[in-house]
């Protein structure tokens, strides 16, 4: 039975992906900061869901996460590097260092730490797959979101680096860029969000299950095949031509 680690599994995209993987027969480690939320995600799968409270921005916490997964399941076949955060929209000249470091710590440092620990395990167990949550903002920024935009652009560089280094070890790495999946994080879209021309307009969303299905598709691929980059988005969202 394949083993997956899903970060940010307590809500939104992470919860949907984790539950879809569990329903498909994966053993899944559910990582996130809120144990109660992780427990809710794993409901109905007592044998195959492992709840591991973790802060991906802390090295010791990430190391402990993967140690717990190996102790329970013996291996790691898939990592969905999903944990991410943002702060309120703020012009760059007012953006504090503490806010910058908070976003970078989760979105970029956390993804690096999880990928590093996954690599260690996958190299000794015949390979594996890493799926990074890049976001639409990995290629086109929103205004007043400098830290989020920068970290998601950096995620693309991380994905390419992991793909390159993984070739020799049967470790595949791909990226899924999501545009307005309907989650707690995107509830504000209907009320209006800042556009590239600095107008505020509502944006459409789409069912998060489509993202979870895309993650499952990638997770099930044989290691000699890879989805390097995939964009899943609300058809009518202002993405192409943004900015």
Foldseek 3Di string as FASTA:
>chain_A
DAEEEFAPCLWDLNLLLQLLCVVVPYQYEYEEQDQVSQVVSCPPRVLRYHYQYAQLLDLVRLLVSLVVRCVRPVAHAEYELEWFDFDPQAAPVPDDPVRLCVRCSRLASSSVSNLVSNCVRQLVVQEHEYEYELALLLPPNFHRGVSNSVSSVVVLVVQVVCCVVRPVRLYHYAYEYEAAADIPVNPCLQVFDQFLVRDTDHFDHHHSNVVSVVVVVQRPDHSVDHHHYHYDYDPPGPRVVGD
